[in-house]
C-alpha atoms as a PDB file:
ATOM      1  CA  ALA A   1      52.989 -63.879  16.379  1.00  0.00           C
ATOM      2  CA  LEU A   2      52.993 -66.923  17.857  1.00  0.00           C
ATOM      3  CA  PRO A   3      55.925 -67.779  20.439  1.00  0.00           C
ATOM      4  CA  ILE A   4      59.053 -69.173  19.267  1.00  0.00           C
ATOM      5  CA  GLY A   5      58.803 -72.994  19.544  1.00  0.00           C
ATOM      6  CA  VAL A   6      55.287 -72.947  18.978  1.00  0.00           C
ATOM      7  CA  PRO A   7      54.457 -75.329  16.003  1.00  0.00           C
ATOM      8  CA  LYS A   8      53.692 -74.023  13.046  1.00  0.00           C
ATOM      9  CA  VAL A   9      53.837 -75.252  10.037  1.00  0.00           C
ATOM     10  CA  MET A  10      52.760 -73.813   6.167  1.00  0.00           C
ATOM     11  CA  VAL A  11      52.049 -75.669   2.994  1.00  0.00           C
ATOM     12  CA  SER A  12      51.583 -74.121   0.488  1.00  0.00           C
ATOM     13  CA  THR A  13      53.046 -74.072  -3.074  1.00  0.00           C
ATOM     14  CA  VAL A  14      55.590 -70.627  -2.802  1.00  0.00           C
ATOM     15  CA  ALA A  15      57.775 -73.040  -1.063  1.00  0.00           C
ATOM     16  CA  SER A  16      59.120 -74.188  -4.268  1.00  0.00           C
ATOM     17  CA  GLY A  17      62.475 -72.720  -4.340  1.00  0.00           C
ATOM     18  CA  GLN A  18      61.548 -70.632  -7.506  1.00  0.00           C
ATOM     19  CA  THR A  19      59.885 -68.241  -4.959  1.00  0.00           C
ATOM     20  CA  PRO A  20      61.146 -66.272  -2.259  1.00  0.00           C
ATOM     21  CA  PHE A  21      59.451 -66.450   0.873  1.00  0.00           C
ATOM     22  CA  GLY A  22      60.881 -65.101   3.381  1.00  0.00           C
ATOM     23  CA  ILE A  23      57.810 -62.485   3.569  1.00  0.00           C
ATOM     24  CA  TYR A  24      56.062 -65.163   4.830  1.00  0.00           C
ATOM     25  CA  THR A  25      58.230 -67.002   7.366  1.00  0.00           C
ATOM     26  CA  GLY A  26      59.599 -63.395   8.868  1.00  0.00           C
ATOM     27  CA  THR A  27      61.149 -64.050  11.500  1.00  0.00           C
ATOM     28  CA  ARG A  28      59.970 -67.155  13.450  1.00  0.00           C
ATOM     29  CA  ASP A  29      60.931 -70.921  13.253  1.00  0.00           C
ATOM     30  CA  ILE A  30      58.022 -71.667  10.976  1.00  0.00           C
ATOM     31  CA  THR A  31      58.014 -74.994   8.489  1.00  0.00           C
ATOM     32  CA  ILE A  32      56.908 -74.202   4.791  1.00  0.00           C
ATOM     33  CA  MET A  33      56.153 -77.578   2.882  1.00  0.00           C
ATOM     34  CA  HIS A  34      55.011 -77.770  -0.782  1.00  0.00           C
ATOM     35  CA  SER A  35      52.187 -78.739  -1.986  1.00  0.00           C
ATOM     36  CA  VAL A  36      53.327 -79.830  -5.266  1.00  0.00           C
ATOM     37  CA  VAL A  37      49.283 -79.036  -6.313  1.00  0.00           C
ATOM     38  CA  ASP A  38      48.167 -76.240  -6.332  1.00  0.00           C
ATOM     39  CA  ILE A  39      45.718 -76.728  -3.475  1.00  0.00           C
ATOM     40  CA  LEU A  40      41.625 -76.484  -5.207  1.00  0.00           C
ATOM     41  CA  GLY A  41      39.856 -78.807  -3.519  1.00  0.00           C
ATOM     42  CA  LEU A  42      41.211 -82.159  -2.854  1.00  0.00           C
ATOM     43  CA  ASN A  43      42.278 -85.259  -4.406  1.00  0.00           C
ATOM     44  CA  SER A  44      44.078 -88.180  -3.544  1.00  0.00           C
ATOM     45  CA  LEU A  45      47.692 -85.942  -3.177  1.00  0.00           C
ATOM     46  CA  THR A  46      46.260 -83.059  -1.730  1.00  0.00           C
ATOM     47  CA  ARG A  47      45.253 -85.112   1.217  1.00  0.00           C
ATOM     48  CA  ARG A  48      48.392 -87.073   1.544  1.00  0.00           C
ATOM     49  CA  VAL A  49      49.936 -84.106   1.371  1.00  0.00           C
ATOM     50  CA  LEU A  50      47.559 -82.190   4.235  1.00  0.00           C
ATOM     51  CA  ALA A  51      47.866 -85.441   5.915  1.00  0.00           C
ATOM     52  CA  ASN A  52      51.779 -85.108   6.111  1.00  0.00           C
ATOM     53  CA  ALA A  53      51.948 -81.488   7.472  1.00  0.00           C
ATOM     54  CA  ALA A  54      48.945 -82.235  10.024  1.00  0.00           C
ATOM     55  CA  ALA A  55      51.379 -85.284  11.257  1.00  0.00           C
ATOM     56  CA  ALA A  56      53.982 -83.304  11.245  1.00  0.00           C
ATOM     57  CA  VAL A  57      51.988 -80.914  13.587  1.00  0.00           C
ATOM     58  CA  VAL A  58      50.790 -83.875  15.377  1.00  0.00           C
ATOM     59  CA  GLY A  59      54.939 -84.943  15.886  1.00  0.00           C
ATOM     60  CA  MET A  60      56.132 -81.330  17.364  1.00  0.00           C
ATOM     61  CA  ALA A  61      53.174 -80.625  19.352  1.00  0.00           C
ATOM     62  CA  GLY A  62      54.027 -84.055  21.045  1.00  0.00           C
ATOM     63  CA  THR A  63      58.201 -83.920  21.847  1.00  0.00           C
ATOM     64  CA  GLY A  64      57.023 -82.336  25.542  1.00  0.00           C
ATOM     65  CA  LEU A  65      60.457 -79.967  24.842  1.00  0.00           C
ATOM     66  CA  LEU A  66      59.675 -77.225  25.541  1.00  0.00           C
ATOM     67  CA  GLU A  67      62.812 -75.399  27.707  1.00  0.00           C
ATOM     68  CA  LYS A  68      62.276 -72.890  31.084  1.00  0.00           C
ATOM     69  CA  ILE A  69      63.433 -70.108  30.623  1.00  0.00           C
ATOM     70  CA  SER A  70      67.552 -69.805  31.194  1.00  0.00           C
ATOM     71  CA  SER A  71      69.032 -69.134  34.220  1.00  0.00           C
ATOM     72  CA  ARG A  72      72.283 -68.007  32.370  1.00  0.00           C
ATOM     73  CA  LEU A  73      72.992 -64.966  31.170  1.00  0.00           C
ATOM     74  CA  ARG A  74      71.409 -64.429  27.655  1.00  0.00           C
ATOM     75  CA  VAL A  75      73.897 -63.006  25.030  1.00  0.00           C
ATOM     76  CA  GLY A  76      72.949 -62.357  21.210  1.00  0.00           C
ATOM     77  CA  ILE A  77      76.116 -61.866  18.840  1.00  0.00           C
ATOM     78  CA  THR A  78      75.562 -61.458  15.421  1.00  0.00           C
ATOM     79  CA  LEU A  79      77.275 -63.280  12.577  1.00  0.00           C
ATOM     80  CA  TYR A  80      78.682 -62.713   9.072  1.00  0.00           C
ATOM     81  CA  GLY A  81      80.482 -64.128   6.058  1.00  0.00           C
ATOM     82  CA  GLN A  82      83.217 -61.249   6.414  1.00  0.00           C
ATOM     83  CA  THR A  83      83.414 -62.058  10.480  1.00  0.00           C
ATOM     84  CA  THR A  84      82.631 -65.540  10.404  1.00  0.00           C
ATOM     85  CA  PRO A  85      86.926 -66.173  12.339  1.00  0.00           C
ATOM     86  CA  ALA A  86      85.896 -63.541  15.083  1.00  0.00           C
ATOM     87  CA  GLY A  87      82.726 -65.138  15.893  1.00  0.00           C
ATOM     88  CA  LEU A  88      83.912 -68.632  16.235  1.00  0.00           C
ATOM     89  CA  ALA A  89      86.698 -67.867  18.384  1.00  0.00           C
ATOM     90  CA  ILE A  90      84.018 -65.497  20.363  1.00  0.00           C
ATOM     91  CA  LYS A  91      81.318 -67.847  21.287  1.00  0.00           C
ATOM     92  CA  PRO A  92      83.189 -70.444  23.150  1.00  0.00           C
ATOM     93  CA  ARG A  93      84.692 -67.848  25.327  1.00  0.00           C
ATOM     94  CA  LEU A  94      81.542 -66.484  26.383  1.00  0.00           C
ATOM     95  CA  GLU A  95      80.260 -69.833  26.451  1.00  0.00           C
ATOM     96  CA  ALA A  96      83.410 -71.004  29.138  1.00  0.00           C
ATOM     97  CA  LYS A  97      82.434 -67.550  31.666  1.00  0.00           C
ATOM     98  CA  GLY A  98      79.069 -70.088  31.772  1.00  0.00           C
ATOM     99  CA  TYR A  99      76.561 -67.683  28.737  1.00  0.00           C
ATOM    100  CA  GLU A 100      74.236 -68.868  26.467  1.00  0.00           C
ATOM    101  CA  VAL A 101      75.273 -67.807  23.593  1.00  0.00           C
ATOM    102  CA  PHE A 102      72.751 -67.118  20.683  1.00  0.00           C
ATOM    103  CA  ALA A 103      74.020 -66.419  16.666  1.00  0.00           C
ATOM    104  CA  PHE A 104      72.320 -64.417  14.584  1.00  0.00           C
ATOM    105  CA  HIS A 105      73.409 -65.095  10.286  1.00  0.00           C
ATOM    106  CA  SER A 106      73.164 -60.601   9.628  1.00  0.00           C
ATOM    107  CA  ASN A 107      71.696 -60.764   6.523  1.00  0.00           C
ATOM    108  CA  GLY A 108      68.489 -59.249   6.796  1.00  0.00           C
ATOM    109  CA  THR A 109      67.030 -61.199   9.136  1.00  0.00           C
ATOM    110  CA  GLY A 110      69.068 -62.458  11.473  1.00  0.00           C
ATOM    111  CA  GLY A 111      69.899 -58.817  13.358  1.00  0.00           C
ATOM    112  CA  LYS A 112      66.022 -57.917  12.984  1.00  0.00           C
ATOM    113  CA  ALA A 113      65.095 -61.081  15.145  1.00  0.00           C
ATOM    114  CA  MET A 114      67.852 -60.837  17.383  1.00  0.00           C
ATOM    115  CA  GLU A 115      66.161 -57.615  17.501  1.00  0.00           C
ATOM    116  CA  GLU A 116      62.978 -59.091  18.334  1.00  0.00           C
ATOM    117  CA  LEU A 117      64.254 -61.211  20.992  1.00  0.00           C
ATOM    118  CA  ALA A 118      65.681 -58.679  22.889  1.00  0.00           C
ATOM    119  CA  VAL A 119      62.440 -56.612  22.811  1.00  0.00           C
ATOM    120  CA  GLU A 120      60.693 -59.483  23.900  1.00  0.00           C
ATOM    121  CA  GLY A 121      63.140 -60.437  26.797  1.00  0.00           C
ATOM    122  CA  MET A 122      63.988 -63.389  25.508  1.00  0.00           C
ATOM    123  CA  LEU A 123      68.083 -61.568  25.481  1.00  0.00           C
ATOM    124  CA  ASP A 124      69.986 -60.008  28.280  1.00  0.00           C
ATOM    125  CA  ALA A 125      73.345 -58.489  26.104  1.00  0.00           C
ATOM    126  CA  LEU A 126      73.378 -57.765  22.914  1.00  0.00           C
ATOM    127  CA  PHE A 127      76.985 -58.495  21.438  1.00  0.00           C
ATOM    128  CA  ASP A 128      77.072 -56.830  17.702  1.00  0.00           C
ATOM    129  CA  LEU A 129      79.500 -57.881  16.458  1.00  0.00           C
ATOM    130  CA  SER A 130      78.328 -57.468  12.227  1.00  0.00           C
ATOM    131  CA  THR A 131      76.470 -54.677  11.916  1.00  0.00           C
ATOM    132  CA  HIS A 132      76.899 -54.659   8.214  1.00  0.00           C
ATOM    133  CA  GLU A 133      72.746 -54.664   7.448  1.00  0.00           C
ATOM    134  CA  ILE A 134      72.459 -51.097   8.386  1.00  0.00           C
ATOM    135  CA  THR A 135      74.214 -50.721   5.062  1.00  0.00           C
ATOM    136  CA  ASP A 136      72.045 -52.937   2.698  1.00  0.00           C
ATOM    137  CA  GLU A 137      69.296 -51.079   4.126  1.00  0.00           C
ATOM    138  CA  ILE A 138      70.748 -47.453   3.741  1.00  0.00           C
ATOM    139  CA  PHE A 139      72.140 -48.036   0.074  1.00  0.00           C
ATOM    140  CA  GLY A 140      69.438 -51.357  -1.210  1.00  0.00           C
ATOM    141  CA  GLY A 141      72.242 -54.588  -0.414  1.00  0.00           C
ATOM    142  CA  ILE A 142      70.315 -57.592  -0.006  1.00  0.00           C
ATOM    143  CA  HIS A 143      70.814 -57.830   3.590  1.00  0.00           C
ATOM    144  CA  ALA A 144      69.170 -54.953   4.787  1.00  0.00           C
ATOM    145  CA  SER A 145      66.660 -55.600   7.793  1.00  0.00           C
ATOM    146  CA  ASP A 146      65.005 -52.544   8.712  1.00  0.00           C
ATOM    147  CA  PRO A 147      64.692 -49.452  11.216  1.00  0.00           C
ATOM    148  CA  THR A 148      64.445 -51.463  14.232  1.00  0.00           C
ATOM    149  CA  ARG A 149      68.133 -52.932  13.587  1.00  0.00           C
ATOM    150  CA  LEU A 150      70.129 -50.739  16.522  1.00  0.00           C
ATOM    151  CA  LEU A 151      67.134 -49.180  17.913  1.00  0.00           C
ATOM    152  CA  ALA A 152      65.284 -51.977  19.482  1.00  0.00           C
ATOM    153  CA  GLY A 153      67.218 -53.801  21.743  1.00  0.00           C
ATOM    154  CA  GLY A 154      67.984 -50.742  22.810  1.00  0.00           C
ATOM    155  CA  LEU A 155      65.145 -49.107  24.046  1.00  0.00           C
ATOM    156  CA  LYS A 156      64.004 -51.898  25.758  1.00  0.00           C
ATOM    157  CA  GLY A 157      66.895 -51.870  27.901  1.00  0.00           C
ATOM    158  CA  VAL A 158      69.549 -54.473  27.058  1.00  0.00           C
ATOM    159  CA  PRO A 159      73.040 -53.390  26.920  1.00  0.00           C
ATOM    160  CA  ARG A 160      74.909 -53.255  23.383  1.00  0.00           C
ATOM    161  CA  LEU A 161      78.572 -53.980  22.192  1.00  0.00           C
ATOM    162  CA  VAL A 162      78.536 -52.391  18.496  1.00  0.00           C
ATOM    163  CA  VAL A 163      81.166 -52.998  16.288  1.00  0.00           C
ATOM    164  CA  PRO A 164      81.665 -52.079  12.639  1.00  0.00           C
ATOM    165  CA  GLY A 165      81.984 -55.471  11.419  1.00  0.00           C
ATOM    166  CA  GLY A 166      81.237 -56.485   7.426  1.00  0.00           C
ATOM    167  CA  LEU A 167      79.775 -52.051   7.580  1.00  0.00           C
ATOM    168  CA  ASP A 168      82.430 -50.644   5.110  1.00  0.00           C
ATOM    169  CA  LEU A 169      80.168 -53.147   1.871  1.00  0.00           C
ATOM    170  CA  ILE A 170      77.313 -53.367   0.376  1.00  0.00           C
ATOM    171  CA  THR A 171      76.710 -57.049  -0.381  1.00  0.00           C
ATOM    172  CA  LEU A 172      74.791 -57.644  -4.186  1.00  0.00           C
ATOM    173  CA  ARG A 173      74.080 -59.474  -6.607  1.00  0.00           C
ATOM    174  CA  GLU A 174      76.293 -60.708  -9.209  1.00  0.00           C
ATOM    175  CA  PRO A 175      78.365 -57.804 -11.275  1.00  0.00           C
ATOM    176  CA  GLU A 176      75.975 -57.346 -14.158  1.00  0.00           C
ATOM    177  CA  THR A 177      73.387 -56.544 -11.807  1.00  0.00           C
ATOM    178  CA  VAL A 178      75.387 -54.190  -9.680  1.00  0.00           C
ATOM    179  CA  PRO A 179      72.952 -50.108  -9.946  1.00  0.00           C
ATOM    180  CA  GLU A 180      74.788 -48.190 -12.170  1.00  0.00           C
ATOM    181  CA  ILE A 181      75.690 -45.618  -9.189  1.00  0.00           C
ATOM    182  CA  TYR A 182      78.153 -48.469  -7.488  1.00  0.00           C
ATOM    183  CA  ARG A 183      80.255 -49.770 -10.793  1.00  0.00           C
ATOM    184  CA  SER A 184      82.969 -46.713 -10.425  1.00  0.00           C
ATOM    185  CA  GLN A 185      83.627 -48.438  -6.491  1.00  0.00           C
ATOM    186  CA  PRO A 186      85.938 -50.786  -6.025  1.00  0.00           C
ATOM    187  CA  PHE A 187      84.060 -54.300  -5.899  1.00  0.00           C
ATOM    188  CA  VAL A 188      84.614 -58.051  -4.882  1.00  0.00           C
ATOM    189  CA  ARG A 189      83.438 -60.948  -6.714  1.00  0.00           C
ATOM    190  CA  HIS A 190      82.652 -62.529  -3.484  1.00  0.00           C
ATOM    191  CA  ASN A 191      81.085 -66.362  -5.693  1.00  0.00           C
ATOM    192  CA  PRO A 192      79.409 -66.738  -8.244  1.00  0.00           C
ATOM    193  CA  HIS A 193      76.092 -65.100  -6.856  1.00  0.00           C
ATOM    194  CA  ILE A 194      77.456 -62.567  -4.339  1.00  0.00           C
ATOM    195  CA  THR A 195      79.418 -59.068  -5.658  1.00  0.00           C
ATOM    196  CA  LEU A 196      80.886 -56.905  -2.698  1.00  0.00           C
ATOM    197  CA  VAL A 197      80.662 -52.962  -3.068  1.00  0.00           C
ATOM    198  CA  ARG A 198      82.807 -50.933  -0.686  1.00  0.00           C
ATOM    199  CA  LEU A 199      81.184 -47.311   0.637  1.00  0.00           C
ATOM    200  CA  THR A 200      82.998 -44.840  -0.384  1.00  0.00           C
ATOM    201  CA  ARG A 201      83.770 -41.884   2.314  1.00  0.00           C
ATOM    202  CA  ASP A 202      80.978 -40.064   1.766  1.00  0.00           C
ATOM    203  CA  GLN A 203      78.572 -43.007   1.844  1.00  0.00           C
ATOM    204  CA  MET A 204      80.576 -44.237   5.574  1.00  0.00           C
ATOM    205  CA  VAL A 205      79.826 -41.097   7.187  1.00  0.00           C
ATOM    206  CA  GLN A 206      76.116 -41.602   6.171  1.00  0.00           C
ATOM    207  CA  VAL A 207      76.322 -44.914   8.075  1.00  0.00           C
ATOM    208  CA  ALA A 208      77.905 -43.641  10.848  1.00  0.00           C
ATOM    209  CA  GLU A 209      75.328 -40.966  11.200  1.00  0.00           C
ATOM    210  CA  VAL A 210      72.679 -43.212  11.002  1.00  0.00           C
ATOM    211  CA  MET A 211      74.493 -45.414  13.578  1.00  0.00           C
ATOM    212  CA  ALA A 212      74.501 -42.442  15.662  1.00  0.00           C
ATOM    213  CA  GLN A 213      71.115 -41.415  15.584  1.00  0.00           C
ATOM    214  CA  ARG A 214      69.785 -44.825  16.909  1.00  0.00           C
ATOM    215  CA  LEU A 215      72.134 -45.418  19.380  1.00  0.00           C
ATOM    216  CA  ASN A 216      71.802 -42.251  20.951  1.00  0.00           C
ATOM    217  CA  GLN A 217      68.188 -43.804  22.671  1.00  0.00           C
ATOM    218  CA  ALA A 218      69.181 -46.646  23.835  1.00  0.00           C
ATOM    219  CA  ALA A 219      68.313 -46.880  26.873  1.00  0.00           C
ATOM    220  CA  ALA A 220      70.702 -49.583  28.515  1.00  0.00           C
ATOM    221  CA  PRO A 221      74.539 -49.562  28.362  1.00  0.00           C
ATOM    222  CA  VAL A 222      76.385 -48.658  24.853  1.00  0.00           C
ATOM    223  CA  MET A 223      80.144 -49.323  24.192  1.00  0.00           C
ATOM    224  CA  VAL A 224      81.593 -48.856  20.167  1.00  0.00           C
ATOM    225  CA  ALA A 225      84.525 -51.149  19.769  1.00  0.00           C
ATOM    226  CA  ILE A 226      86.807 -49.899  16.391  1.00  0.00           C
ATOM    227  CA  PRO A 227      89.160 -52.699  14.411  1.00  0.00           C
ATOM    228  CA  ALA A 228      91.038 -50.116  13.126  1.00  0.00           C
ATOM    229  CA  GLY A 229      93.044 -52.581  10.660  1.00  0.00           C
ATOM    230  CA  GLY A 230      90.093 -53.354   9.097  1.00  0.00           C
ATOM    231  CA  TYR A 231      86.029 -54.392   9.209  1.00  0.00           C
ATOM    232  CA  SER A 232      85.890 -57.299   6.729  1.00  0.00           C
ATOM    233  CA  PHE A 233      88.253 -59.601   5.341  1.00  0.00           C
ATOM    234  CA  TYR A 234      88.814 -57.386   2.136  1.00  0.00           C
ATOM    235  CA  ASN A 235      89.786 -54.684   4.455  1.00  0.00           C
ATOM    236  CA  ARG A 236      93.199 -55.268   5.546  1.00  0.00           C
ATOM    237  CA  ASP A 237      96.512 -53.865   4.077  1.00  0.00           C
ATOM    238  CA  GLY A 238      97.275 -54.951   0.847  1.00  0.00           C
ATOM    239  CA  LEU A 239      93.958 -55.969  -0.175  1.00  0.00           C
ATOM    240  CA  HIS A 240      91.451 -54.643  -2.388  1.00  0.00           C
ATOM    241  CA  PHE A 241      88.816 -52.940   0.005  1.00  0.00           C
ATOM    242  CA  ARG A 242      91.681 -51.063   2.508  1.00  0.00           C
ATOM    243  CA  ASP A 243      90.786 -47.153   2.605  1.00  0.00           C
ATOM    244  CA  LEU A 244      91.821 -45.301   5.690  1.00  0.00           C
ATOM    245  CA  GLU A 245      90.303 -42.428   4.836  1.00  0.00           C
ATOM    246  CA  ALA A 246      87.137 -43.145   4.073  1.00  0.00           C
ATOM    247  CA  ASP A 247      87.696 -45.295   7.396  1.00  0.00           C
ATOM    248  CA  ARG A 248      88.476 -41.966   9.426  1.00  0.00           C
ATOM    249  CA  ALA A 249      85.892 -40.500   8.177  1.00  0.00           C
ATOM    250  CA  PHE A 250      83.385 -43.420   9.643  1.00  0.00           C
ATOM    251  CA  VAL A 251      85.113 -43.151  13.144  1.00  0.00           C
ATOM    252  CA  GLN A 252      85.144 -39.473  13.827  1.00  0.00           C
ATOM    253  CA  THR A 253      81.711 -38.677  12.584  1.00  0.00           C
ATOM    254  CA  LEU A 254      80.432 -41.829  15.108  1.00  0.00           C
ATOM    255  CA  ARG A 255      82.444 -39.849  17.609  1.00  0.00           C
ATOM    256  CA  THR A 256      80.994 -36.680  16.479  1.00  0.00           C
ATOM    257  CA  ARG A 257      77.606 -37.803  16.850  1.00  0.00           C
ATOM    258  CA  LEU A 258      77.486 -40.237  18.816  1.00  0.00           C
ATOM    259  CA  LYS A 259      76.159 -38.658  22.720  1.00  0.00           C
ATOM    260  CA  SER A 260      78.603 -38.027  25.192  1.00  0.00           C
ATOM    261  CA  GLY A 261      78.058 -41.654  27.306  1.00  0.00           C
ATOM    262  CA  ILE A 262      78.715 -43.564  24.634  1.00  0.00           C
ATOM    263  CA  PRO A 263      82.429 -44.541  24.760  1.00  0.00           C
ATOM    264  CA  VAL A 264      84.478 -45.399  21.107  1.00  0.00           C
ATOM    265  CA  THR A 265      87.584 -47.460  21.556  1.00  0.00           C
ATOM    266  CA  GLU A 266      89.752 -47.560  18.449  1.00  0.00           C
ATOM    267  CA  ILE A 267      91.800 -50.831  18.879  1.00  0.00           C
ATOM    268  CA  GLN A 268      94.449 -50.990  16.136  1.00  0.00           C
ATOM    269  CA  SER A 269      93.816 -54.501  14.696  1.00  0.00           C
ATOM    270  CA  HIS A 270      91.867 -56.228  11.954  1.00  0.00           C
ATOM    271  CA  VAL A 271      88.686 -57.507  13.229  1.00  0.00           C
ATOM    272  CA  ASN A 272      89.350 -61.055  13.291  1.00  0.00           C
ATOM    273  CA  ASP A 273      92.619 -60.759  14.317  1.00  0.00           C
ATOM    274  CA  PRO A 274      93.338 -61.914  18.205  1.00  0.00           C
ATOM    275  CA  PRO A 275      94.323 -58.643  19.594  1.00  0.00           C
ATOM    276  CA  PHE A 276      91.056 -57.263  18.384  1.00  0.00           C
ATOM    277  CA  ILE A 277      89.154 -60.187  20.119  1.00  0.00           C
ATOM    278  CA  SER A 278      91.335 -60.130  23.019  1.00  0.00           C
ATOM    279  CA  GLY A 279      89.738 -56.269  23.319  1.00  0.00           C
ATOM    280  CA  ILE A 280      85.901 -56.765  22.285  1.00  0.00           C
ATOM    281  CA  LEU A 281      85.894 -59.334  25.709  1.00  0.00           C
ATOM    282  CA  ALA A 282      87.164 -56.878  27.684  1.00  0.00           C
ATOM    283  CA  ILE A 283      84.849 -54.779  26.025  1.00  0.00           C
ATOM    284  CA  PHE A 284      82.196 -56.381  27.121  1.00  0.00           C
ATOM    285  CA  GLU A 285      83.658 -57.722  30.457  1.00  0.00           C
ATOM    286  CA  ARG A 286      83.242 -53.417  31.050  1.00  0.00           C
ATOM    287  CA  LEU A 287      79.812 -52.919  29.300  1.00  0.00           C
ATOM    288  CA  ILE A 288      78.607 -55.870  32.025  1.00  0.00           C
ATOM    289  CA  ALA A 289      80.188 -54.006  35.011  1.00  0.00           C
ATOM    290  CA  THR A 290      78.900 -50.948  33.891  1.00  0.00           C
ATOM    291  CA  THR A 291      74.954 -52.268  33.368  1.00  0.00           C
ATOM    292  CA  GLN A 292      75.594 -53.852  37.268  1.00  0.00           C
ATOM    293  CA  ARG A 293      76.548 -50.630  38.586  1.00  0.00           C
ATOM    294  CA  GLU A 294      72.792 -49.376  36.280  1.00  0.00           C
ATOM    295  CA  LYS A 295      70.484 -51.820  37.431  1.00  0.00           C
ATOM    296  CA  ASP A 296      69.576 -53.920  40.587  1.00  0.00           C
ATOM    297  CA  ARG A 297      69.540 -57.290  38.786  1.00  0.00           C
ATOM    298  CA  SER A 298      72.236 -60.102  39.223  1.00  0.00           C
ATOM    299  CA  TRP A 299      75.334 -60.008  36.746  1.00  0.00           C
ATOM    300  CA  PRO A 300      77.837 -61.844  36.554  1.00  0.00           C
ATOM    301  CA  ARG A 301      81.261 -60.540  39.393  1.00  0.00           C
ATOM    302  CA  SER A 302      83.448 -61.382  36.831  1.00  0.00           C
ATOM    303  CA  LEU A 303      83.590 -62.613  33.380  1.00  0.00           C
ATOM    304  CA  PHE A 304      87.378 -63.023  31.776  1.00  0.00           C
END
C-alpha cells in the first residue's frame, strides 16, 4: 500500500452510500469520488468527473505539507463511544507533557490502523483504552478487527497499556437482526441502528484467554489496568450491564493466563471517572519508565 500522506484518489460507482467500500479504503487515507455513471468509455460526464479527480490529485500533490517525523514521543490512543469521556480527559493531559497524540476510533478499522502504524515505526507507545474490537472479532460484532489486534505492535517492540474499555459488550445492528444465540442476554438499543449486547461470564472468560494469548507474545513492556467500577457506559452500579461475576471471571482468567512479567492493576473506579483516569496516567508513566530501563533510547524522565 502507498504510505499515508501520498495522494490517493479512486473514482468508482461504489462510492454511492449503497455499497460498503471499507474493503477498498482499508486503513489508508484514500479519497473516493462517486463516478455518478458507470465507466463504460468516455463521454461528456465521465470526462468531467475524471478531470476533477485528476485535479484533486494534482492539488494534493502540490500542497507541500508533508511533515517530517515528529521529534516528540508519539502515542496512539484508542477511543470508543463507551469510553469517550475518558479519552477526552486523557488526551490533553498527555499533550501537556509534550506527547503527540494520535486518536483511533475502535470501529474495526481504527485499531488495525494503530497496529499498522506501530509496526511502521510511526508510534512509540500505545495507550489502548478501548479494546472492544476483540470482543466483536470473537463474537461477530460489526466493529470486529482482525488477529493483528493487540499483537502486531507488541511484536514490533512498542510498549502498550491495555484497558478493557467497552470489552464487555458486542456491537450489533438493529434489535431484529441480533442472532438468536444472543437474544437471551441483556441488551441496550444504543440508537436506532446499533444494539449493544452484554457478554456472559463464559464469553468474558473467552475474551480474556484471547487477550492473554496475544499480549504474551509482546517484545516490549505491557501493563493492564482494570476499572473495577465498570468497563463501559452501561456497566456501572445500578445500570443494565452491571455483572460483577462476569467481570471478576474476566480478571481472574487474565491474571492466570498472562505471563508473570505483565502486571494487572485493578482500580476501584469506573472507566470514565476521574480516579481511574488519574490512575491509568500514572500506570502509563510506569510503563514508559520500564521501557526506558529496557531500551537504550531517549524517553522523557518524568511524564506526570
